[in-house]
Amino acid sequence: ATIGRDLSKSERDGLPPGLPARVCPVWS
């Protein structure tokens, strides 16, 4: 809700492994 989009590649790279392909649902 805060970022209003899914995570970018650089944001994902800073997190532990094992995240699902999409963290945030589709946004509009």
PDB file of all heavy atoms in Angstrom:
ATOM      1  N   ALA A   1       0.830  -1.206   0.000  1.00  0.00           N
ATOM      2  CA  ALA A   1       0.000   0.000   0.000  1.00  0.00           C
ATOM      3  C   ALA A   1       0.863   1.254   0.000  1.00  0.00           C
ATOM      4  O   ALA A   1       0.512   2.261  -0.614  1.00  0.00           O
ATOM      5  CB  ALA A   1      -0.924  -0.002   1.218  1.00  0.00           C
ATOM      6  N   THR A   2       2.012   1.191   0.668  1.00  0.00           N
ATOM      7  CA  THR A   2       2.893   2.354   0.757  1.00  0.00           C
ATOM      8  C   THR A   2       3.607   2.636  -0.555  1.00  0.00           C
ATOM      9  O   THR A   2       3.642   3.774  -1.021  1.00  0.00           O
ATOM     10  CB  THR A   2       3.930   2.158   1.889  1.00  0.00           C
ATOM     11  OG1 THR A   2       3.222   1.994   3.116  1.00  0.00           O
ATOM     12  CG2 THR A   2       4.863   3.344   1.990  1.00  0.00           C
ATOM     13  N   ILE A   3       4.177   1.605  -1.177  1.00  0.00           N
ATOM     14  CA  ILE A   3       4.949   1.845  -2.396  1.00  0.00           C
ATOM     15  C   ILE A   3       4.087   1.802  -3.655  1.00  0.00           C
ATOM     16  O   ILE A   3       4.476   2.345  -4.682  1.00  0.00           O
ATOM     17  CB  ILE A   3       6.160   0.893  -2.525  1.00  0.00           C
ATOM     18  CG1 ILE A   3       5.729  -0.560  -2.687  1.00  0.00           C
ATOM     19  CG2 ILE A   3       7.096   1.074  -1.349  1.00  0.00           C
ATOM     20  CD1 ILE A   3       6.884  -1.505  -2.970  1.00  0.00           C
ATOM     21  N   GLY A   4       2.913   1.172  -3.591  1.00  0.00           N
ATOM     22  CA  GLY A   4       1.978   1.179  -4.716  1.00  0.00           C
ATOM     23  C   GLY A   4       2.462   0.429  -5.947  1.00  0.00           C
ATOM     24  O   GLY A   4       2.020   0.709  -7.060  1.00  0.00           O
ATOM     25  N   ARG A   5       3.374  -0.518  -5.764  1.00  0.00           N
ATOM     26  CA  ARG A   5       3.897  -1.303  -6.881  1.00  0.00           C
ATOM     27  C   ARG A   5       4.593  -2.528  -6.314  1.00  0.00           C
ATOM     28  O   ARG A   5       4.747  -2.659  -5.102  1.00  0.00           O
ATOM     29  CB  ARG A   5       4.898  -0.477  -7.684  1.00  0.00           C
ATOM     30  CG  ARG A   5       6.060   0.016  -6.829  1.00  0.00           C
ATOM     31  CD  ARG A   5       7.125   0.753  -7.616  1.00  0.00           C
ATOM     32  NE  ARG A   5       8.084   1.390  -6.752  1.00  0.00           N
ATOM     33  CZ  ARG A   5       9.054   0.760  -6.083  1.00  0.00           C
ATOM     34  NH1 ARG A   5       9.182  -0.546  -6.195  1.00  0.00           N
ATOM     35  NH2 ARG A   5       9.893   1.422  -5.317  1.00  0.00           N
ATOM     36  N   ASP A   6       5.029  -3.418  -7.195  1.00  0.00           N
ATOM     37  CA  ASP A   6       5.810  -4.552  -6.734  1.00  0.00           C
ATOM     38  C   ASP A   6       7.254  -4.096  -6.490  1.00  0.00           C
ATOM     39  O   ASP A   6       7.634  -2.982  -6.872  1.00  0.00           O
ATOM     40  CB  ASP A   6       5.774  -5.684  -7.771  1.00  0.00           C
ATOM     41  CG  ASP A   6       6.080  -7.046  -7.155  1.00  0.00           C
ATOM     42  OD1 ASP A   6       6.150  -7.142  -5.916  1.00  0.00           O
ATOM     43  OD2 ASP A   6       6.247  -8.012  -7.913  1.00  0.00           O
ATOM     44  N   LEU A   7       8.051  -4.928  -5.866  1.00  0.00           N
ATOM     45  CA  LEU A   7       9.438  -4.589  -5.575  1.00  0.00           C
ATOM     46  C   LEU A   7      10.286  -4.575  -6.848  1.00  0.00           C
ATOM     47  O   LEU A   7      10.102  -5.398  -7.737  1.00  0.00           O
ATOM     48  CB  LEU A   7      10.040  -5.612  -4.605  1.00  0.00           C
ATOM     49  CG  LEU A   7       9.367  -5.728  -3.245  1.00  0.00           C
ATOM     50  CD1 LEU A   7      10.016  -6.831  -2.432  1.00  0.00           C
ATOM     51  CD2 LEU A   7       9.428  -4.418  -2.501  1.00  0.00           C
ATOM     52  N   SER A   8      11.239  -3.643  -6.903  1.00  0.00           N
ATOM     53  CA  SER A   8      12.172  -3.589  -8.026  1.00  0.00           C
ATOM     54  C   SER A   8      13.244  -4.664  -7.826  1.00  0.00           C
ATOM     55  O   SER A   8      13.375  -5.235  -6.735  1.00  0.00           O
ATOM     56  CB  SER A   8      12.840  -2.217  -8.103  1.00  0.00           C
ATOM     57  OG  SER A   8      13.710  -2.043  -7.001  1.00  0.00           O
ATOM     58  N   LYS A   9      14.040  -4.914  -8.853  1.00  0.00           N
ATOM     59  CA  LYS A   9      15.109  -5.907  -8.755  1.00  0.00           C
ATOM     60  C   LYS A   9      16.101  -5.514  -7.656  1.00  0.00           C
ATOM     61  O   LYS A   9      16.502  -6.356  -6.852  1.00  0.00           O
ATOM     62  CB  LYS A   9      15.826  -6.075 -10.086  1.00  0.00           C
ATOM     63  CG  LYS A   9      16.945  -7.109 -10.015  1.00  0.00           C
ATOM     64  CD  LYS A   9      17.654  -7.282 -11.326  1.00  0.00           C
ATOM     65  CE  LYS A   9      18.787  -8.284 -11.291  1.00  0.00           C
ATOM     66  NZ  LYS A   9      19.399  -8.633 -10.072  1.00  0.00           N
ATOM     67  N   SER A  10      16.488  -4.257  -7.596  1.00  0.00           N
ATOM     68  CA  SER A  10      17.454  -3.842  -6.577  1.00  0.00           C
ATOM     69  C   SER A  10      16.875  -3.971  -5.167  1.00  0.00           C
ATOM     70  O   SER A  10      17.594  -4.317  -4.224  1.00  0.00           O
ATOM     71  CB  SER A  10      17.962  -2.421  -6.839  1.00  0.00           C
ATOM     72  OG  SER A  10      16.918  -1.498  -6.731  1.00  0.00           O
ATOM     73  N   GLU A  11      15.579  -3.708  -4.998  1.00  0.00           N
ATOM     74  CA  GLU A  11      14.945  -3.883  -3.685  1.00  0.00           C
ATOM     75  C   GLU A  11      14.924  -5.366  -3.309  1.00  0.00           C
ATOM     76  O   GLU A  11      15.198  -5.721  -2.162  1.00  0.00           O
ATOM     77  CB  GLU A  11      13.530  -3.317  -3.695  1.00  0.00           C
ATOM     78  CG  GLU A  11      13.503  -1.804  -3.767  1.00  0.00           C
ATOM     79  CD  GLU A  11      12.144  -1.236  -4.127  1.00  0.00           C
ATOM     80  OE1 GLU A  11      11.308  -1.942  -4.740  1.00  0.00           O
ATOM     81  OE2 GLU A  11      11.915  -0.054  -3.804  1.00  0.00           O
ATOM     82  N   ARG A  12      14.605  -6.223  -4.271  1.00  0.00           N
ATOM     83  CA  ARG A  12      14.569  -7.663  -4.007  1.00  0.00           C
ATOM     84  C   ARG A  12      15.957  -8.191  -3.672  1.00  0.00           C
ATOM     85  O   ARG A  12      16.108  -9.072  -2.833  1.00  0.00           O
ATOM     86  CB  ARG A  12      14.011  -8.419  -5.214  1.00  0.00           C
ATOM     87  CG  ARG A  12      12.539  -8.146  -5.482  1.00  0.00           C
ATOM     88  CD  ARG A  12      12.085  -8.902  -6.706  1.00  0.00           C
ATOM     89  NE  ARG A  12      11.977 -10.318  -6.445  1.00  0.00           N
ATOM     90  CZ  ARG A  12      10.931 -10.911  -5.882  1.00  0.00           C
ATOM     91  NH1 ARG A  12       9.889 -10.208  -5.530  1.00  0.00           N
ATOM     92  NH2 ARG A  12      10.923 -12.210  -5.679  1.00  0.00           N
ATOM     93  N   ASP A  13      16.984  -7.639  -4.335  1.00  0.00           N
ATOM     94  CA  ASP A  13      18.357  -8.093  -4.098  1.00  0.00           C
ATOM     95  C   ASP A  13      18.809  -7.817  -2.669  1.00  0.00           C
ATOM     96  O   ASP A  13      19.702  -8.497  -2.162  1.00  0.00           O
ATOM     97  CB  ASP A  13      19.328  -7.420  -5.077  1.00  0.00           C
ATOM     98  CG  ASP A  13      19.161  -7.935  -6.497  1.00  0.00           C
ATOM     99  OD1 ASP A  13      18.498  -8.981  -6.692  1.00  0.00           O
ATOM    100  OD2 ASP A  13      19.685  -7.285  -7.418  1.00  0.00           O
ATOM    101  N   GLY A  14      18.195  -6.838  -1.993  1.00  0.00           N
ATOM    102  CA  GLY A  14      18.562  -6.504  -0.625  1.00  0.00           C
ATOM    103  C   GLY A  14      17.821  -7.304   0.424  1.00  0.00           C
ATOM    104  O   GLY A  14      18.034  -7.109   1.617  1.00  0.00           O
ATOM    105  N   LEU A  15      16.950  -8.208  -0.013  1.00  0.00           N
ATOM    106  CA  LEU A  15      16.147  -9.001   0.925  1.00  0.00           C
ATOM    107  C   LEU A  15      16.606 -10.453   0.944  1.00  0.00           C
ATOM    108  O   LEU A  15      17.282 -10.910   0.020  1.00  0.00           O
ATOM    109  CB  LEU A  15      14.672  -8.919   0.519  1.00  0.00           C
ATOM    110  CG  LEU A  15      14.068  -7.515   0.601  1.00  0.00           C
ATOM    111  CD1 LEU A  15      12.678  -7.500  -0.004  1.00  0.00           C
ATOM    112  CD2 LEU A  15      14.028  -7.040   2.041  1.00  0.00           C
ATOM    113  N   PRO A  16      16.230 -11.194   1.979  1.00  0.00           N
ATOM    114  CA  PRO A  16      16.622 -12.606   2.043  1.00  0.00           C
ATOM    115  C   PRO A  16      16.055 -13.385   0.852  1.00  0.00           C
ATOM    116  O   PRO A  16      15.021 -13.012   0.294  1.00  0.00           O
ATOM    117  CB  PRO A  16      15.998 -13.101   3.351  1.00  0.00           C
ATOM    118  CG  PRO A  16      15.686 -11.885   4.131  1.00  0.00           C
ATOM    119  CD  PRO A  16      15.473 -10.780   3.146  1.00  0.00           C
ATOM    120  N   PRO A  17      16.701 -14.470   0.456  1.00  0.00           N
ATOM    121  CA  PRO A  17      16.200 -15.283  -0.651  1.00  0.00           C
ATOM    122  C   PRO A  17      14.896 -15.979  -0.276  1.00  0.00           C
ATOM    123  O   PRO A  17      14.554 -16.078   0.894  1.00  0.00           O
ATOM    124  CB  PRO A  17      17.319 -16.299  -0.887  1.00  0.00           C
ATOM    125  CG  PRO A  17      18.058 -16.362   0.401  1.00  0.00           C
ATOM    126  CD  PRO A  17      17.933 -15.004   1.031  1.00  0.00           C
ATOM    127  N   GLY A  18      14.191 -16.446  -1.296  1.00  0.00           N
ATOM    128  CA  GLY A  18      12.979 -17.227  -1.059  1.00  0.00           C
ATOM    129  C   GLY A  18      11.690 -16.449  -1.188  1.00  0.00           C
ATOM    130  O   GLY A  18      10.621 -16.966  -0.872  1.00  0.00           O
ATOM    131  N   LEU A  19      11.752 -15.191  -1.656  1.00  0.00           N
ATOM    132  CA  LEU A  19      10.519 -14.427  -1.859  1.00  0.00           C
ATOM    133  C   LEU A  19       9.742 -14.999  -3.039  1.00  0.00           C
ATOM    134  O   LEU A  19      10.341 -15.517  -3.985  1.00  0.00           O
ATOM    135  CB  LEU A  19      10.835 -12.961  -2.161  1.00  0.00           C
ATOM    136  CG  LEU A  19      11.371 -12.115  -1.027  1.00  0.00           C
ATOM    137  CD1 LEU A  19      11.727 -10.729  -1.546  1.00  0.00           C
ATOM    138  CD2 LEU A  19      10.362 -12.005   0.085  1.00  0.00           C
ATOM    139  N   PRO A  20       8.417 -14.882  -3.013  1.00  0.00           N
ATOM    140  CA  PRO A  20       7.652 -15.296  -4.195  1.00  0.00           C
ATOM    141  C   PRO A  20       7.972 -14.389  -5.384  1.00  0.00           C
ATOM    142  O   PRO A  20       8.545 -13.303  -5.209  1.00  0.00           O
ATOM    143  CB  PRO A  20       6.190 -15.130  -3.746  1.00  0.00           C
ATOM    144  CG  PRO A  20       6.233 -14.226  -2.574  1.00  0.00           C
ATOM    145  CD  PRO A  20       7.585 -14.372  -1.943  1.00  0.00           C
ATOM    146  N   ALA A  21       7.618 -14.824  -6.576  1.00  0.00           N
ATOM    147  CA  ALA A  21       7.907 -14.050  -7.790  1.00  0.00           C
ATOM    148  C   ALA A  21       7.318 -12.641  -7.698  1.00  0.00           C
ATOM    149  O   ALA A  21       7.930 -11.673  -8.143  1.00  0.00           O
ATOM    150  CB  ALA A  21       7.375 -14.776  -9.015  1.00  0.00           C
ATOM    151  N   ARG A  22       6.123 -12.508  -7.148  1.00  0.00           N
ATOM    152  CA  ARG A  22       5.490 -11.202  -6.939  1.00  0.00           C
ATOM    153  C   ARG A  22       5.165 -11.065  -5.465  1.00  0.00           C
ATOM    154  O   ARG A  22       4.515 -11.918  -4.897  1.00  0.00           O
ATOM    155  CB  ARG A  22       4.205 -11.073  -7.747  1.00  0.00           C
ATOM    156  CG  ARG A  22       4.417 -10.948  -9.225  1.00  0.00           C
ATOM    157  CD  ARG A  22       3.115 -10.585  -9.928  1.00  0.00           C
ATOM    158  NE  ARG A  22       2.702  -9.226  -9.671  1.00  0.00           N
ATOM    159  CZ  ARG A  22       3.123  -8.160 -10.351  1.00  0.00           C
ATOM    160  NH1 ARG A  22       3.979  -8.314 -11.318  1.00  0.00           N
ATOM    161  NH2 ARG A  22       2.699  -6.958 -10.064  1.00  0.00           N
ATOM    162  N   VAL A  23       5.613  -9.974  -4.868  1.00  0.00           N
ATOM    163  CA  VAL A  23       5.302  -9.708  -3.470  1.00  0.00           C
ATOM    164  C   VAL A  23       3.976  -8.959  -3.375  1.00  0.00           C
ATOM    165  O   VAL A  23       3.112  -9.281  -2.578  1.00  0.00           O
ATOM    166  CB  VAL A  23       6.434  -8.906  -2.791  1.00  0.00           C
ATOM    167  CG1 VAL A  23       6.045  -8.492  -1.386  1.00  0.00           C
ATOM    168  CG2 VAL A  23       7.712  -9.732  -2.781  1.00  0.00           C
ATOM    169  N   CYS A  24       3.824  -7.947  -4.224  1.00  0.00           N
ATOM    170  CA  CYS A  24       2.605  -7.139  -4.228  1.00  0.00           C
ATOM    171  C   CYS A  24       1.707  -7.579  -5.382  1.00  0.00           C
ATOM    172  O   CYS A  24       2.193  -7.894  -6.471  1.00  0.00           O
ATOM    173  CB  CYS A  24       2.956  -5.660  -4.380  1.00  0.00           C
ATOM    174  SG  CYS A  24       3.949  -5.013  -3.016  1.00  0.00           S
ATOM    175  N   PRO A  25       0.398  -7.584  -5.166  1.00  0.00           N
ATOM    176  CA  PRO A  25      -0.517  -7.918  -6.257  1.00  0.00           C
ATOM    177  C   PRO A  25      -0.478  -6.836  -7.336  1.00  0.00           C
ATOM    178  O   PRO A  25       0.154  -5.802  -7.167  1.00  0.00           O
ATOM    179  CB  PRO A  25      -1.882  -7.971  -5.573  1.00  0.00           C
ATOM    180  CG  PRO A  25      -1.725  -7.162  -4.337  1.00  0.00           C
ATOM    181  CD  PRO A  25      -0.287  -7.253  -3.935  1.00  0.00           C
ATOM    182  N   VAL A  26      -1.161  -7.077  -8.415  1.00  0.00           N
ATOM    183  CA  VAL A  26      -1.210  -6.098  -9.510  1.00  0.00           C
ATOM    184  C   VAL A  26      -1.861  -4.817  -9.007  1.00  0.00           C
ATOM    185  O   VAL A  26      -2.889  -4.846  -8.334  1.00  0.00           O
ATOM    186  CB  VAL A  26      -2.015  -6.677 -10.699  1.00  0.00           C
ATOM    187  CG1 VAL A  26      -2.108  -5.658 -11.812  1.00  0.00           C
ATOM    188  CG2 VAL A  26      -1.350  -7.957 -11.195  1.00  0.00           C
ATOM    189  N   TRP A  27      -1.242  -3.686  -9.321  1.00  0.00           N
ATOM    190  CA  TRP A  27      -1.714  -2.383  -8.845  1.00  0.00           C
ATOM    191  C   TRP A  27      -2.240  -1.557 -10.019  1.00  0.00           C
ATOM    192  O   TRP A  27      -1.753  -1.649 -11.127  1.00  0.00           O
ATOM    193  CB  TRP A  27      -0.585  -1.632  -8.179  1.00  0.00           C
ATOM    194  CG  TRP A  27      -0.270  -2.165  -6.828  1.00  0.00           C
ATOM    195  CD1 TRP A  27       0.465  -3.283  -6.544  1.00  0.00           C
ATOM    196  CD2 TRP A  27      -0.709  -1.665  -5.585  1.00  0.00           C
ATOM    197  NE1 TRP A  27       0.519  -3.486  -5.202  1.00  0.00           N
ATOM    198  CE2 TRP A  27      -0.186  -2.510  -4.592  1.00  0.00           C
ATOM    199  CE3 TRP A  27      -1.486  -0.576  -5.208  1.00  0.00           C
ATOM    200  CZ2 TRP A  27      -0.423  -2.291  -3.243  1.00  0.00           C
ATOM    201  CZ3 TRP A  27      -1.700  -0.362  -3.872  1.00  0.00           C
ATOM    202  CH2 TRP A  27      -1.190  -1.215  -2.907  1.00  0.00           C
ATOM    203  N   SER A  28      -3.241  -0.731  -9.735  1.00  0.00           N
ATOM    204  CA  SER A  28      -3.769   0.208 -10.709  1.00  0.00           C
ATOM    205  C   SER A  28      -4.188   1.472  -9.973  1.00  0.00           C
ATOM    206  O   SER A  28      -5.014   1.422  -9.074  1.00  0.00           O
ATOM    207  CB  SER A  28      -4.984  -0.406 -11.424  1.00  0.00           C
ATOM    208  OG  SER A  28      -5.558   0.541 -12.283  1.00  0.00           O
TER     209      SER A  28
END
